[in-house]
Amino acid sequence: MLNEADLTALAITLKLALFTTLILLSLGTPLAWWLARTRWRFKFLLEAVVALPLVLPPTVLGFYLLVALGPHGPVGGLMEALGGRPLAFTFTGLVIGSVIYSMPFVVQPLQDAFTAVG
């Protein structure tokens, strides 16, 4: 039987999946379409940045996100300066990490599909 902790973990997981999916669809689809259509000179750099989570080990990506979102990192420091709190170890930070990690799995197939369609 599931206890309260199990149900809480399940609820957080489903909430994370919902938010991540919505954000990936709203950001990944236009980005993939633009990458498929553009002749921008530095397109390869943006494609490389999008593909980084595929080549970086998850521990390295997680460490970089902790550094960036922590209280002394650039994003976390900016959040504190604006009156908020750092994003590390929060649900918002979890969503950001999930979106960054999953972005190549959305952008690359959609970009290939948009390119094939013409």
PDB file of N, CA and C in Angstrom:
ATOM      1  N   MET A   1       0.830  -1.185   0.000  1.00  0.00           N
ATOM      2  CA  MET A   1       0.000   0.000   0.000  1.00  0.00           C
ATOM      3  C   MET A   1       0.878   1.252   0.000  1.00  0.00           C
ATOM      4  N   LEU A   2       0.395   2.298  -0.590  1.00  0.00           N
ATOM      5  CA  LEU A   2       1.136   3.550  -0.638  1.00  0.00           C
ATOM      6  C   LEU A   2       0.866   4.371   0.617  1.00  0.00           C
ATOM      7  N   ASN A   3       1.953   4.866   1.198  1.00  0.00           N
ATOM      8  CA  ASN A   3       1.780   5.738   2.361  1.00  0.00           C
ATOM      9  C   ASN A   3       1.808   7.197   1.901  1.00  0.00           C
ATOM     10  N   GLU A   4       1.747   8.111   2.850  1.00  0.00           N
ATOM     11  CA  GLU A   4       1.675   9.539   2.518  1.00  0.00           C
ATOM     12  C   GLU A   4       2.928  10.028   1.797  1.00  0.00           C
ATOM     13  N   ALA A   5       4.097   9.546   2.200  1.00  0.00           N
ATOM     14  CA  ALA A   5       5.345   9.953   1.547  1.00  0.00           C
ATOM     15  C   ALA A   5       5.371   9.487   0.093  1.00  0.00           C
ATOM     16  N   ASP A   6       4.884   8.280  -0.158  1.00  0.00           N
ATOM     17  CA  ASP A   6       4.830   7.781  -1.532  1.00  0.00           C
ATOM     18  C   ASP A   6       3.886   8.615  -2.390  1.00  0.00           C
ATOM     19  N   LEU A   7       2.747   8.958  -1.848  1.00  0.00           N
ATOM     20  CA  LEU A   7       1.783   9.768  -2.593  1.00  0.00           C
ATOM     21  C   LEU A   7       2.309  11.177  -2.856  1.00  0.00           C
ATOM     22  N   THR A   8       3.037  11.728  -1.889  1.00  0.00           N
ATOM     23  CA  THR A   8       3.644  13.049  -2.086  1.00  0.00           C
ATOM     24  C   THR A   8       4.684  12.998  -3.197  1.00  0.00           C
ATOM     25  N   ALA A   9       5.530  11.968  -3.186  1.00  0.00           N
ATOM     26  CA  ALA A   9       6.536  11.816  -4.237  1.00  0.00           C
ATOM     27  C   ALA A   9       5.881  11.640  -5.603  1.00  0.00           C
ATOM     28  N   LEU A  10       4.824  10.874  -5.654  1.00  0.00           N
ATOM     29  CA  LEU A  10       4.102  10.672  -6.905  1.00  0.00           C
ATOM     30  C   LEU A  10       3.477  11.977  -7.400  1.00  0.00           C
ATOM     31  N   ALA A  11       2.906  12.747  -6.496  1.00  0.00           N
ATOM     32  CA  ALA A  11       2.297  14.027  -6.874  1.00  0.00           C
ATOM     33  C   ALA A  11       3.344  15.007  -7.393  1.00  0.00           C
ATOM     34  N   ILE A  12       4.490  15.075  -6.733  1.00  0.00           N
ATOM     35  CA  ILE A  12       5.561  15.974  -7.190  1.00  0.00           C
ATOM     36  C   ILE A  12       6.068  15.542  -8.561  1.00  0.00           C
ATOM     37  N   THR A  13       6.213  14.232  -8.767  1.00  0.00           N
ATOM     38  CA  THR A  13       6.681  13.719 -10.052  1.00  0.00           C
ATOM     39  C   THR A  13       5.707  14.057 -11.173  1.00  0.00           C
ATOM     40  N   LEU A  14       4.430  13.867 -10.937  1.00  0.00           N
ATOM     41  CA  LEU A  14       3.431  14.177 -11.960  1.00  0.00           C
ATOM     42  C   LEU A  14       3.353  15.678 -12.236  1.00  0.00           C
ATOM     43  N   LYS A  15       3.462  16.478 -11.195  1.00  0.00           N
ATOM     44  CA  LYS A  15       3.467  17.940 -11.356  1.00  0.00           C
ATOM     45  C   LYS A  15       4.691  18.378 -12.157  1.00  0.00           C
ATOM     46  N   LEU A  16       5.851  17.795 -11.846  1.00  0.00           N
ATOM     47  CA  LEU A  16       7.076  18.108 -12.585  1.00  0.00           C
ATOM     48  C   LEU A  16       6.934  17.714 -14.048  1.00  0.00           C
ATOM     49  N   ALA A  17       6.392  16.543 -14.313  1.00  0.00           N
ATOM     50  CA  ALA A  17       6.211  16.086 -15.689  1.00  0.00           C
ATOM     51  C   ALA A  17       5.282  17.017 -16.459  1.00  0.00           C
ATOM     52  N   LEU A  18       4.218  17.458 -15.831  1.00  0.00           N
ATOM     53  CA  LEU A  18       3.272  18.361 -16.486  1.00  0.00           C
ATOM     54  C   LEU A  18       3.932  19.692 -16.836  1.00  0.00           C
ATOM     55  N   PHE A  19       4.581  20.314 -15.856  1.00  0.00           N
ATOM     56  CA  PHE A  19       5.224  21.609 -16.098  1.00  0.00           C
ATOM     57  C   PHE A  19       6.338  21.488 -17.133  1.00  0.00           C
ATOM     58  N   THR A  20       7.147  20.448 -17.024  1.00  0.00           N
ATOM     59  CA  THR A  20       8.249  20.263 -17.964  1.00  0.00           C
ATOM     60  C   THR A  20       7.724  20.076 -19.382  1.00  0.00           C
ATOM     61  N   THR A  21       6.696  19.267 -19.542  1.00  0.00           N
ATOM     62  CA  THR A  21       6.130  19.026 -20.868  1.00  0.00           C
ATOM     63  C   THR A  21       5.574  20.308 -21.475  1.00  0.00           C
ATOM     64  N   LEU A  22       4.843  21.072 -20.696  1.00  0.00           N
ATOM     65  CA  LEU A  22       4.267  22.319 -21.214  1.00  0.00           C
ATOM     66  C   LEU A  22       5.352  23.316 -21.614  1.00  0.00           C
ATOM     67  N   ILE A  23       6.384  23.435 -20.792  1.00  0.00           N
ATOM     68  CA  ILE A  23       7.473  24.368 -21.101  1.00  0.00           C
ATOM     69  C   ILE A  23       8.256  23.894 -22.315  1.00  0.00           C
ATOM     70  N   LEU A  24       8.530  22.594 -22.388  1.00  0.00           N
ATOM     71  CA  LEU A  24       9.273  22.070 -23.533  1.00  0.00           C
ATOM     72  C   LEU A  24       8.503  22.258 -24.833  1.00  0.00           C
ATOM     73  N   LEU A  25       7.203  22.049 -24.802  1.00  0.00           N
ATOM     74  CA  LEU A  25       6.412  22.253 -26.018  1.00  0.00           C
ATOM     75  C   LEU A  25       6.372  23.719 -26.421  1.00  0.00           C
ATOM     76  N   SER A  26       6.269  24.606 -25.429  1.00  0.00           N
ATOM     77  CA  SER A  26       6.159  26.032 -25.756  1.00  0.00           C
ATOM     78  C   SER A  26       7.496  26.647 -26.156  1.00  0.00           C
ATOM     79  N   LEU A  27       8.609  26.115 -25.675  1.00  0.00           N
ATOM     80  CA  LEU A  27       9.926  26.636 -26.052  1.00  0.00           C
ATOM     81  C   LEU A  27      10.586  25.809 -27.157  1.00  0.00           C
ATOM     82  N   GLY A  28      10.470  24.502 -27.067  1.00  0.00           N
ATOM     83  CA  GLY A  28      11.172  23.613 -27.986  1.00  0.00           C
ATOM     84  C   GLY A  28      10.633  23.630 -29.398  1.00  0.00           C
ATOM     85  N   THR A  29       9.322  23.714 -29.548  1.00  0.00           N
ATOM     86  CA  THR A  29       8.735  23.693 -30.887  1.00  0.00           C
ATOM     87  C   THR A  29       9.124  24.927 -31.708  1.00  0.00           C
ATOM     88  N   PRO A  30       8.966  26.147 -31.181  1.00  0.00           N
ATOM     89  CA  PRO A  30       9.409  27.304 -31.974  1.00  0.00           C
ATOM     90  C   PRO A  30      10.921  27.315 -32.223  1.00  0.00           C
ATOM     91  N   LEU A  31      11.695  26.875 -31.228  1.00  0.00           N
ATOM     92  CA  LEU A  31      13.148  26.826 -31.410  1.00  0.00           C
ATOM     93  C   LEU A  31      13.519  25.839 -32.506  1.00  0.00           C
ATOM     94  N   ALA A  32      12.898  24.667 -32.524  1.00  0.00           N
ATOM     95  CA  ALA A  32      13.178  23.669 -33.557  1.00  0.00           C
ATOM     96  C   ALA A  32      12.763  24.177 -34.933  1.00  0.00           C
ATOM     97  N   TRP A  33      11.613  24.836 -35.000  1.00  0.00           N
ATOM     98  CA  TRP A  33      11.161  25.387 -36.277  1.00  0.00           C
ATOM     99  C   TRP A  33      12.145  26.441 -36.781  1.00  0.00           C
ATOM    100  N   TRP A  34      12.581  27.318 -35.875  1.00  0.00           N
ATOM    101  CA  TRP A  34      13.521  28.369 -36.267  1.00  0.00           C
ATOM    102  C   TRP A  34      14.850  27.767 -36.720  1.00  0.00           C
ATOM    103  N   LEU A  35      15.352  26.773 -35.987  1.00  0.00           N
ATOM    104  CA  LEU A  35      16.614  26.142 -36.369  1.00  0.00           C
ATOM    105  C   LEU A  35      16.500  25.425 -37.713  1.00  0.00           C
ATOM    106  N   ALA A  36      15.331  24.884 -38.026  1.00  0.00           N
ATOM    107  CA  ALA A  36      15.136  24.201 -39.303  1.00  0.00           C
ATOM    108  C   ALA A  36      15.046  25.181 -40.466  1.00  0.00           C
ATOM    109  N   ARG A  37      14.602  26.391 -40.213  1.00  0.00           N
ATOM    110  CA  ARG A  37      14.370  27.362 -41.281  1.00  0.00           C
ATOM    111  C   ARG A  37      15.487  28.395 -41.451  1.00  0.00           C
ATOM    112  N   THR A  38      16.246  28.646 -40.425  1.00  0.00           N
ATOM    113  CA  THR A  38      17.193  29.759 -40.472  1.00  0.00           C
ATOM    114  C   THR A  38      18.463  29.412 -41.247  1.00  0.00           C
ATOM    115  N   ARG A  39      19.086  30.433 -41.747  1.00  0.00           N
ATOM    116  CA  ARG A  39      20.404  30.327 -42.375  1.00  0.00           C
ATOM    117  C   ARG A  39      21.415  31.154 -41.571  1.00  0.00           C
ATOM    118  N   TRP A  40      21.104  31.344 -40.296  1.00  0.00           N
ATOM    119  CA  TRP A  40      21.929  32.159 -39.417  1.00  0.00           C
ATOM    120  C   TRP A  40      23.349  31.613 -39.377  1.00  0.00           C
ATOM    121  N   ARG A  41      24.299  32.492 -39.398  1.00  0.00           N
ATOM    122  CA  ARG A  41      25.712  32.124 -39.462  1.00  0.00           C
ATOM    123  C   ARG A  41      26.174  31.309 -38.261  1.00  0.00           C
ATOM    124  N   PHE A  42      25.633  31.583 -37.088  1.00  0.00           N
ATOM    125  CA  PHE A  42      26.073  30.906 -35.868  1.00  0.00           C
ATOM    126  C   PHE A  42      25.057  29.870 -35.377  1.00  0.00           C
ATOM    127  N   LYS A  43      24.274  29.352 -36.295  1.00  0.00           N
ATOM    128  CA  LYS A  43      23.270  28.340 -35.956  1.00  0.00           C
ATOM    129  C   LYS A  43      23.916  27.128 -35.280  1.00  0.00           C
ATOM    130  N   PHE A  44      25.088  26.743 -35.738  1.00  0.00           N
ATOM    131  CA  PHE A  44      25.772  25.575 -35.180  1.00  0.00           C
ATOM    132  C   PHE A  44      26.074  25.752 -33.694  1.00  0.00           C
ATOM    133  N   LEU A  45      26.327  26.980 -33.248  1.00  0.00           N
ATOM    134  CA  LEU A  45      26.591  27.211 -31.825  1.00  0.00           C
ATOM    135  C   LEU A  45      25.345  26.965 -30.982  1.00  0.00           C
ATOM    136  N   LEU A  46      24.209  27.444 -31.441  1.00  0.00           N
ATOM    137  CA  LEU A  46      22.964  27.226 -30.710  1.00  0.00           C
ATOM    138  C   LEU A  46      22.598  25.745 -30.694  1.00  0.00           C
ATOM    139  N   GLU A  47      22.817  25.059 -31.807  1.00  0.00           N
ATOM    140  CA  GLU A  47      22.564  23.616 -31.847  1.00  0.00           C
ATOM    141  C   GLU A  47      23.481  22.873 -30.878  1.00  0.00           C
ATOM    142  N   ALA A  48      24.715  23.321 -30.758  1.00  0.00           N
ATOM    143  CA  ALA A  48      25.648  22.692 -29.818  1.00  0.00           C
ATOM    144  C   ALA A  48      25.221  22.923 -28.376  1.00  0.00           C
ATOM    145  N   VAL A  49      24.757  24.119 -28.062  1.00  0.00           N
ATOM    146  CA  VAL A  49      24.294  24.410 -26.697  1.00  0.00           C
ATOM    147  C   VAL A  49      23.061  23.570 -26.366  1.00  0.00           C
ATOM    148  N   VAL A  50      22.153  23.436 -27.317  1.00  0.00           N
ATOM    149  CA  VAL A  50      20.959  22.618 -27.090  1.00  0.00           C
ATOM    150  C   VAL A  50      21.349  21.154 -26.869  1.00  0.00           C
ATOM    151  N   ALA A  51      22.378  20.679 -27.564  1.00  0.00           N
ATOM    152  CA  ALA A  51      22.791  19.274 -27.468  1.00  0.00           C
ATOM    153  C   ALA A  51      23.696  18.989 -26.270  1.00  0.00           C
ATOM    154  N   LEU A  52      24.150  19.999 -25.557  1.00  0.00           N
ATOM    155  CA  LEU A  52      25.072  19.782 -24.432  1.00  0.00           C
ATOM    156  C   LEU A  52      24.590  18.757 -23.408  1.00  0.00           C
ATOM    157  N   PRO A  53      23.327  18.747 -23.005  1.00  0.00           N
ATOM    158  CA  PRO A  53      22.906  17.731 -22.028  1.00  0.00           C
ATOM    159  C   PRO A  53      23.072  16.296 -22.516  1.00  0.00           C
ATOM    160  N   LEU A  54      23.181  16.096 -23.830  1.00  0.00           N
ATOM    161  CA  LEU A  54      23.392  14.748 -24.355  1.00  0.00           C
ATOM    162  C   LEU A  54      24.829  14.283 -24.178  1.00  0.00           C
ATOM    163  N   VAL A  55      25.771  15.212 -24.165  1.00  0.00           N
ATOM    164  CA  VAL A  55      27.180  14.825 -24.087  1.00  0.00           C
ATOM    165  C   VAL A  55      27.773  15.015 -22.692  1.00  0.00           C
ATOM    166  N   LEU A  56      27.140  15.826 -21.871  1.00  0.00           N
ATOM    167  CA  LEU A  56      27.626  16.003 -20.500  1.00  0.00           C
ATOM    168  C   LEU A  56      27.055  14.911 -19.600  1.00  0.00           C
ATOM    169  N   PRO A  57      27.860  14.357 -18.723  1.00  0.00           N
ATOM    170  CA  PRO A  57      27.310  13.409 -17.751  1.00  0.00           C
ATOM    171  C   PRO A  57      26.284  14.119 -16.856  1.00  0.00           C
ATOM    172  N   PRO A  58      25.238  13.422 -16.430  1.00  0.00           N
ATOM    173  CA  PRO A  58      24.212  14.052 -15.592  1.00  0.00           C
ATOM    174  C   PRO A  58      24.775  14.663 -14.311  1.00  0.00           C
ATOM    175  N   THR A  59      25.820  14.067 -13.746  1.00  0.00           N
ATOM    176  CA  THR A  59      26.394  14.643 -12.525  1.00  0.00           C
ATOM    177  C   THR A  59      27.050  15.985 -12.808  1.00  0.00           C
ATOM    178  N   VAL A  60      27.690  16.118 -13.948  1.00  0.00           N
ATOM    179  CA  VAL A  60      28.328  17.390 -14.313  1.00  0.00           C
ATOM    180  C   VAL A  60      27.264  18.444 -14.577  1.00  0.00           C
ATOM    181  N   LEU A  61      26.236  18.071 -15.319  1.00  0.00           N
ATOM    182  CA  LEU A  61      25.142  19.006 -15.588  1.00  0.00           C
ATOM    183  C   LEU A  61      24.474  19.438 -14.288  1.00  0.00           C
ATOM    184  N   GLY A  62      24.247  18.488 -13.390  1.00  0.00           N
ATOM    185  CA  GLY A  62      23.658  18.816 -12.089  1.00  0.00           C
ATOM    186  C   GLY A  62      24.538  19.734 -11.271  1.00  0.00           C
ATOM    187  N   PHE A  63      25.842  19.488 -11.299  1.00  0.00           N
ATOM    188  CA  PHE A  63      26.769  20.357 -10.568  1.00  0.00           C
ATOM    189  C   PHE A  63      26.736  21.776 -11.128  1.00  0.00           C
ATOM    190  N   TYR A  64      26.763  21.896 -12.451  1.00  0.00           N
ATOM    191  CA  TYR A  64      26.711  23.227 -13.067  1.00  0.00           C
ATOM    192  C   TYR A  64      25.411  23.952 -12.714  1.00  0.00           C
ATOM    193  N   LEU A  65      24.309  23.220 -12.693  1.00  0.00           N
ATOM    194  CA  LEU A  65      23.034  23.842 -12.325  1.00  0.00           C
ATOM    195  C   LEU A  65      23.032  24.269 -10.866  1.00  0.00           C
ATOM    196  N   LEU A  66      23.613  23.448  -9.986  1.00  0.00           N
ATOM    197  CA  LEU A  66      23.702  23.842  -8.576  1.00  0.00           C
ATOM    198  C   LEU A  66      24.544  25.095  -8.404  1.00  0.00           C
ATOM    199  N   VAL A  67      25.642  25.167  -9.133  1.00  0.00           N
ATOM    200  CA  VAL A  67      26.498  26.355  -9.048  1.00  0.00           C
ATOM    201  C   VAL A  67      25.746  27.579  -9.571  1.00  0.00           C
ATOM    202  N   ALA A  68      25.064  27.438 -10.693  1.00  0.00           N
ATOM    203  CA  ALA A  68      24.368  28.583 -11.293  1.00  0.00           C
ATOM    204  C   ALA A  68      23.156  29.025 -10.479  1.00  0.00           C
ATOM    205  N   LEU A  69      22.408  28.062  -9.940  1.00  0.00           N
ATOM    206  CA  LEU A  69      21.163  28.392  -9.251  1.00  0.00           C
ATOM    207  C   LEU A  69      21.345  28.621  -7.759  1.00  0.00           C
ATOM    208  N   GLY A  70      22.525  28.306  -7.223  1.00  0.00           N
ATOM    209  CA  GLY A  70      22.786  28.483  -5.796  1.00  0.00           C
ATOM    210  C   GLY A  70      22.895  29.945  -5.405  1.00  0.00           C
ATOM    211  N   PRO A  71      22.995  30.227  -4.114  1.00  0.00           N
ATOM    212  CA  PRO A  71      22.996  31.619  -3.638  1.00  0.00           C
ATOM    213  C   PRO A  71      24.196  32.436  -4.116  1.00  0.00           C
ATOM    214  N   HIS A  72      25.303  31.776  -4.461  1.00  0.00           N
ATOM    215  CA  HIS A  72      26.487  32.513  -4.915  1.00  0.00           C
ATOM    216  C   HIS A  72      26.671  32.433  -6.428  1.00  0.00           C
ATOM    217  N   GLY A  73      25.753  31.768  -7.106  1.00  0.00           N
ATOM    218  CA  GLY A  73      25.828  31.650  -8.558  1.00  0.00           C
ATOM    219  C   GLY A  73      25.211  32.845  -9.248  1.00  0.00           C
ATOM    220  N   PRO A  74      25.391  32.945 -10.552  1.00  0.00           N
ATOM    221  CA  PRO A  74      24.867  34.108 -11.275  1.00  0.00           C
ATOM    222  C   PRO A  74      23.341  34.208 -11.238  1.00  0.00           C
ATOM    223  N   VAL A  75      22.649  33.110 -11.431  1.00  0.00           N
ATOM    224  CA  VAL A  75      21.182  33.152 -11.428  1.00  0.00           C
ATOM    225  C   VAL A  75      20.656  33.276 -10.003  1.00  0.00           C
ATOM    226  N   GLY A  76      21.210  32.482  -9.086  1.00  0.00           N
ATOM    227  CA  GLY A  76      20.776  32.548  -7.691  1.00  0.00           C
ATOM    228  C   GLY A  76      21.084  33.889  -7.054  1.00  0.00           C
ATOM    229  N   GLY A  77      22.255  34.454  -7.363  1.00  0.00           N
ATOM    230  CA  GLY A  77      22.611  35.773  -6.849  1.00  0.00           C
ATOM    231  C   GLY A  77      21.685  36.851  -7.375  1.00  0.00           C
ATOM    232  N   LEU A  78      21.322  36.744  -8.652  1.00  0.00           N
ATOM    233  CA  LEU A  78      20.388  37.708  -9.237  1.00  0.00           C
ATOM    234  C   LEU A  78      19.018  37.591  -8.584  1.00  0.00           C
ATOM    235  N   MET A  79      18.593  36.366  -8.334  1.00  0.00           N
ATOM    236  CA  MET A  79      17.295  36.167  -7.669  1.00  0.00           C
ATOM    237  C   MET A  79      17.301  36.785  -6.272  1.00  0.00           C
ATOM    238  N   GLU A  80      18.386  36.596  -5.542  1.00  0.00           N
ATOM    239  CA  GLU A  80      18.487  37.196  -4.203  1.00  0.00           C
ATOM    240  C   GLU A  80      18.501  38.709  -4.281  1.00  0.00           C
ATOM    241  N   ALA A  81      19.230  39.257  -5.262  1.00  0.00           N
ATOM    242  CA  ALA A  81      19.303  40.707  -5.406  1.00  0.00           C
ATOM    243  C   ALA A  81      17.938  41.301  -5.747  1.00  0.00           C
ATOM    244  N   LEU A  82      17.118  40.541  -6.443  1.00  0.00           N
ATOM    245  CA  LEU A  82      15.783  41.012  -6.807  1.00  0.00           C
ATOM    246  C   LEU A  82      14.750  40.736  -5.725  1.00  0.00           C
ATOM    247  N   GLY A  83      15.203  40.240  -4.592  1.00  0.00           N
ATOM    248  CA  GLY A  83      14.295  40.022  -3.474  1.00  0.00           C
ATOM    249  C   GLY A  83      13.735  38.622  -3.374  1.00  0.00           C
ATOM    250  N   GLY A  84      14.150  37.748  -4.263  1.00  0.00           N
ATOM    251  CA  GLY A  84      13.678  36.367  -4.217  1.00  0.00           C
ATOM    252  C   GLY A  84      14.646  35.505  -3.438  1.00  0.00           C
ATOM    253  N   ARG A  85      14.526  34.228  -3.616  1.00  0.00           N
ATOM    254  CA  ARG A  85      15.455  33.308  -2.976  1.00  0.00           C
ATOM    255  C   ARG A  85      16.140  32.495  -4.065  1.00  0.00           C
ATOM    256  N   PRO A  86      17.301  31.931  -3.771  1.00  0.00           N
ATOM    257  CA  PRO A  86      17.990  31.120  -4.785  1.00  0.00           C
ATOM    258  C   PRO A  86      17.113  29.951  -5.237  1.00  0.00           C
ATOM    259  N   LEU A  87      17.343  29.490  -6.438  1.00  0.00           N
ATOM    260  CA  LEU A  87      16.496  28.457  -7.017  1.00  0.00           C
ATOM    261  C   LEU A  87      16.956  27.037  -6.701  1.00  0.00           C
ATOM    262  N   ALA A  88      18.164  26.885  -6.183  1.00  0.00           N
ATOM    263  CA  ALA A  88      18.663  25.543  -5.877  1.00  0.00           C
ATOM    264  C   ALA A  88      17.789  24.895  -4.808  1.00  0.00           C
ATOM    265  N   PHE A  89      17.486  23.619  -5.019  1.00  0.00           N
ATOM    266  CA  PHE A  89      16.698  22.805  -4.084  1.00  0.00           C
ATOM    267  C   PHE A  89      15.259  23.306  -3.919  1.00  0.00           C
ATOM    268  N   THR A  90      14.715  23.932  -4.963  1.00  0.00           N
ATOM    269  CA  THR A  90      13.307  24.322  -4.968  1.00  0.00           C
ATOM    270  C   THR A  90      12.621  23.612  -6.136  1.00  0.00           C
ATOM    271  N   PHE A  91      11.300  23.636  -6.137  1.00  0.00           N
ATOM    272  CA  PHE A  91      10.572  23.017  -7.247  1.00  0.00           C
ATOM    273  C   PHE A  91      10.853  23.747  -8.557  1.00  0.00           C
ATOM    274  N   THR A  92      10.978  25.062  -8.502  1.00  0.00           N
ATOM    275  CA  THR A  92      11.295  25.834  -9.710  1.00  0.00           C
ATOM    276  C   THR A  92      12.653  25.432 -10.263  1.00  0.00           C
ATOM    277  N   GLY A  93      13.627  25.249  -9.385  1.00  0.00           N
ATOM    278  CA  GLY A  93      14.940  24.778  -9.817  1.00  0.00           C
ATOM    279  C   GLY A  93      14.867  23.392 -10.432  1.00  0.00           C
ATOM    280  N   LEU A  94      14.019  22.552  -9.871  1.00  0.00           N
ATOM    281  CA  LEU A  94      13.814  21.210 -10.406  1.00  0.00           C
ATOM    282  C   LEU A  94      13.222  21.268 -11.813  1.00  0.00           C
ATOM    283  N   VAL A  95      12.279  22.161 -12.017  1.00  0.00           N
ATOM    284  CA  VAL A  95      11.679  22.323 -13.345  1.00  0.00           C
ATOM    285  C   VAL A  95      12.721  22.836 -14.334  1.00  0.00           C
ATOM    286  N   ILE A  96      13.522  23.804 -13.932  1.00  0.00           N
ATOM    287  CA  ILE A  96      14.566  24.339 -14.813  1.00  0.00           C
ATOM    288  C   ILE A  96      15.539  23.236 -15.209  1.00  0.00           C
ATOM    289  N   GLY A  97      15.987  22.456 -14.241  1.00  0.00           N
ATOM    290  CA  GLY A  97      16.905  21.357 -14.532  1.00  0.00           C
ATOM    291  C   GLY A  97      16.285  20.320 -15.450  1.00  0.00           C
ATOM    292  N   SER A  98      15.039  19.997 -15.230  1.00  0.00           N
ATOM    293  CA  SER A  98      14.350  19.013 -16.060  1.00  0.00           C
ATOM    294  C   SER A  98      14.177  19.514 -17.491  1.00  0.00           C
ATOM    295  N   VAL A  99      13.866  20.782 -17.641  1.00  0.00           N
ATOM    296  CA  VAL A  99      13.711  21.362 -18.979  1.00  0.00           C
ATOM    297  C   VAL A  99      15.053  21.370 -19.707  1.00  0.00           C
ATOM    298  N   ILE A 100      16.109  21.785 -19.035  1.00  0.00           N
ATOM    299  CA  ILE A 100      17.428  21.826 -19.668  1.00  0.00           C
ATOM    300  C   ILE A 100      17.870  20.426 -20.077  1.00  0.00           C
ATOM    301  N   TYR A 101      17.665  19.458 -19.194  1.00  0.00           N
ATOM    302  CA  TYR A 101      18.081  18.088 -19.484  1.00  0.00           C
ATOM    303  C   TYR A 101      17.280  17.487 -20.643  1.00  0.00           C
ATOM    304  N   SER A 102      16.009  17.827 -20.762  1.00  0.00           N
ATOM    305  CA  SER A 102      15.131  17.214 -21.763  1.00  0.00           C
ATOM    306  C   SER A 102      15.072  17.975 -23.084  1.00  0.00           C
ATOM    307  N   MET A 103      15.572  19.189 -23.129  1.00  0.00           N
ATOM    308  CA  MET A 103      15.452  20.028 -24.325  1.00  0.00           C
ATOM    309  C   MET A 103      15.965  19.356 -25.607  1.00  0.00           C
ATOM    310  N   PRO A 104      17.125  18.693 -25.608  1.00  0.00           N
ATOM    311  CA  PRO A 104      17.573  18.081 -26.867  1.00  0.00           C
ATOM    312  C   PRO A 104      16.635  16.985 -27.380  1.00  0.00           C
ATOM    313  N   PHE A 105      15.938  16.311 -26.473  1.00  0.00           N
ATOM    314  CA  PHE A 105      15.034  15.240 -26.885  1.00  0.00           C
ATOM    315  C   PHE A 105      13.772  15.782 -27.542  1.00  0.00           C
ATOM    316  N   VAL A 106      13.528  17.062 -27.414  1.00  0.00           N
ATOM    317  CA  VAL A 106      12.393  17.707 -28.069  1.00  0.00           C
ATOM    318  C   VAL A 106      12.859  18.430 -29.326  1.00  0.00           C
ATOM    319  N   VAL A 107      13.916  19.209 -29.204  1.00  0.00           N
ATOM    320  CA  VAL A 107      14.343  20.079 -30.302  1.00  0.00           C
ATOM    321  C   VAL A 107      14.886  19.280 -31.485  1.00  0.00           C
ATOM    322  N   GLN A 108      15.753  18.324 -31.247  1.00  0.00           N
ATOM    323  CA  GLN A 108      16.395  17.628 -32.366  1.00  0.00           C
ATOM    324  C   GLN A 108      15.419  16.837 -33.244  1.00  0.00           C
ATOM    325  N   PRO A 109      14.517  16.028 -32.673  1.00  0.00           N
ATOM    326  CA  PRO A 109      13.561  15.340 -33.559  1.00  0.00           C
ATOM    327  C   PRO A 109      12.613  16.301 -34.285  1.00  0.00           C
ATOM    328  N   LEU A 110      12.165  17.335 -33.587  1.00  0.00           N
ATOM    329  CA  LEU A 110      11.285  18.303 -34.244  1.00  0.00           C
ATOM    330  C   LEU A 110      12.023  19.066 -35.338  1.00  0.00           C
ATOM    331  N   GLN A 111      13.268  19.415 -35.094  1.00  0.00           N
ATOM    332  CA  GLN A 111      14.057  20.113 -36.110  1.00  0.00           C
ATOM    333  C   GLN A 111      14.219  19.231 -37.348  1.00  0.00           C
ATOM    334  N   ASP A 112      14.512  17.951 -37.147  1.00  0.00           N
ATOM    335  CA  ASP A 112      14.626  17.029 -38.281  1.00  0.00           C
ATOM    336  C   ASP A 112      13.303  16.914 -39.034  1.00  0.00           C
ATOM    337  N   ALA A 113      12.204  16.868 -38.309  1.00  0.00           N
ATOM    338  CA  ALA A 113      10.888  16.773 -38.950  1.00  0.00           C
ATOM    339  C   ALA A 113      10.567  18.040 -39.741  1.00  0.00           C
ATOM    340  N   PHE A 114      10.835  19.198 -39.160  1.00  0.00           N
ATOM    341  CA  PHE A 114      10.579  20.455 -39.867  1.00  0.00           C
ATOM    342  C   PHE A 114      11.467  20.573 -41.106  1.00  0.00           C
ATOM    343  N   THR A 115      12.700  20.105 -41.014  1.00  0.00           N
ATOM    344  CA  THR A 115      13.603  20.141 -42.165  1.00  0.00           C
ATOM    345  C   THR A 115      13.099  19.208 -43.265  1.00  0.00           C
ATOM    346  N   ALA A 116      12.620  18.027 -42.887  1.00  0.00           N
ATOM    347  CA  ALA A 116      12.129  17.064 -43.871  1.00  0.00           C
ATOM    348  C   ALA A 116      10.867  17.555 -44.577  1.00  0.00           C
ATOM    349  N   VAL A 117      10.025  18.270 -43.855  1.00  0.00           N
ATOM    350  CA  VAL A 117       8.793  18.782 -44.447  1.00  0.00           C
ATOM    351  C   VAL A 117       9.110  19.875 -45.467  1.00  0.00           C
ATOM    352  N   GLY A 118      10.166  20.612 -45.202  1.00  0.00           N
ATOM    353  CA  GLY A 118      10.578  21.628 -46.157  1.00  0.00           C
ATOM    354  C   GLY A 118      10.209  22.963 -45.716  1.00  0.00           C
TER     355      GLY A 118
END
